[in-house]
Protein backbone atom coordinates (compact mmCIF):
# COMPACT_ATOMS: atom_id res chain seq x y z
CA MET A 1 95.77 100.31 102.27
CA VAL A 2 98.61 102.86 102.25
CA PHE A 3 96.78 104.89 99.61
CA GLU A 4 93.58 105.07 101.69
CA ASN A 5 95.49 106.18 104.80
CA VAL A 6 97.52 108.78 102.91
CA LYS A 7 94.40 110.07 101.18
CA LYS A 8 92.59 110.51 104.51
CA MET A 9 95.57 112.24 106.07
CA ILE A 10 96.03 114.65 103.16
CA ALA A 11 92.30 115.42 102.95
CA LYS A 12 92.16 116.22 106.65
CA GLN A 13 95.29 118.37 106.65
CA LEU A 14 94.45 120.31 103.50
CA LYS A 15 90.70 120.41 104.15
CA ALA A 16 90.11 118.76 100.77
CA ASP A 17 87.30 116.49 99.65
CA GLU A 18 88.66 112.99 100.21
CA ALA A 19 86.49 111.59 97.41
CA SER A 20 88.20 113.87 94.90
CA ILE A 21 91.72 112.67 95.74
CA THR A 22 93.23 110.08 93.39
CA ALA A 23 96.75 108.75 92.90
CA ASP A 24 97.19 111.34 90.13
CA THR A 25 96.11 114.29 92.29
CA ARG A 26 98.93 116.82 92.45
CA LEU A 27 99.70 118.15 95.92
CA VAL A 28 100.54 121.73 94.95
CA GLU A 29 98.60 122.34 91.74
CA ASP A 30 95.40 120.45 92.59
CA LEU A 31 95.27 120.57 96.39
CA LYS A 32 96.94 123.99 96.78
CA ALA A 33 99.47 122.70 99.32
CA ASP A 34 102.13 125.23 100.23
CA SER A 35 105.58 124.49 101.61
CA ALA A 36 104.33 124.54 105.21
CA ASN A 37 101.56 122.06 104.33
CA VAL A 38 104.09 119.78 102.65
CA MET A 39 106.45 119.86 105.65
CA VAL A 40 103.64 119.02 108.08
CA MET A 41 102.50 116.21 105.77
CA ILE A 42 106.06 114.84 105.59
CA MET A 43 106.41 114.88 109.39
CA ASP A 44 103.04 113.14 109.81
CA LEU A 45 103.95 110.49 107.24
CA GLU A 46 107.30 109.87 108.92
CA ASP A 47 105.61 109.47 112.31
CA ASN A 48 102.79 107.26 111.03
CA TYR A 49 104.92 104.97 108.90
CA GLY A 50 108.19 104.96 110.86
CA ILE A 51 110.20 106.17 107.87
CA VAL A 52 112.48 109.09 107.12
CA ILE A 53 111.84 111.05 103.94
CA GLU A 54 115.14 112.55 102.85
CA ASP A 55 115.07 116.27 102.09
CA ASP A 56 116.32 115.72 98.54
CA GLN A 57 113.39 113.35 97.89
CA ILE A 58 110.63 115.76 98.95
CA MET A 59 110.68 117.60 95.62
CA ASN A 60 110.01 114.29 93.83
CA LEU A 61 106.73 113.80 95.72
CA LYS A 62 104.45 115.69 93.36
CA THR A 63 101.31 113.51 93.41
CA VAL A 64 99.49 111.45 96.01
CA GLY A 65 100.65 108.39 94.09
CA ASP A 66 104.29 109.51 94.40
CA VAL A 67 103.86 109.72 98.17
CA VAL A 68 102.28 106.26 98.34
CA LYS A 69 105.03 104.71 96.19
CA TYR A 70 107.72 106.28 98.36
CA ILE A 71 106.14 104.96 101.56
CA GLU A 72 105.68 101.47 100.12
CA ALA A 73 109.31 101.37 98.94
CA HIS A 74 110.71 102.53 102.28
CA GLN A 75 108.63 100.67 104.88
């Protein structure tokens, strides 16, 4: 369920084809997210899931799967 929600949110924000997003999809290399995109995504995820993503952890979130795992571990 988390994966589906994250996928929808990322697809909408980055104007990407939701069907093409998998757990292995890389945010920067595959979806062309820039630092502003990433910061907006982080804020949206924090609001939607009631979590805080520490600044030093953001660089570890390279794929959609990394984001999902982080959310699941911190909910």
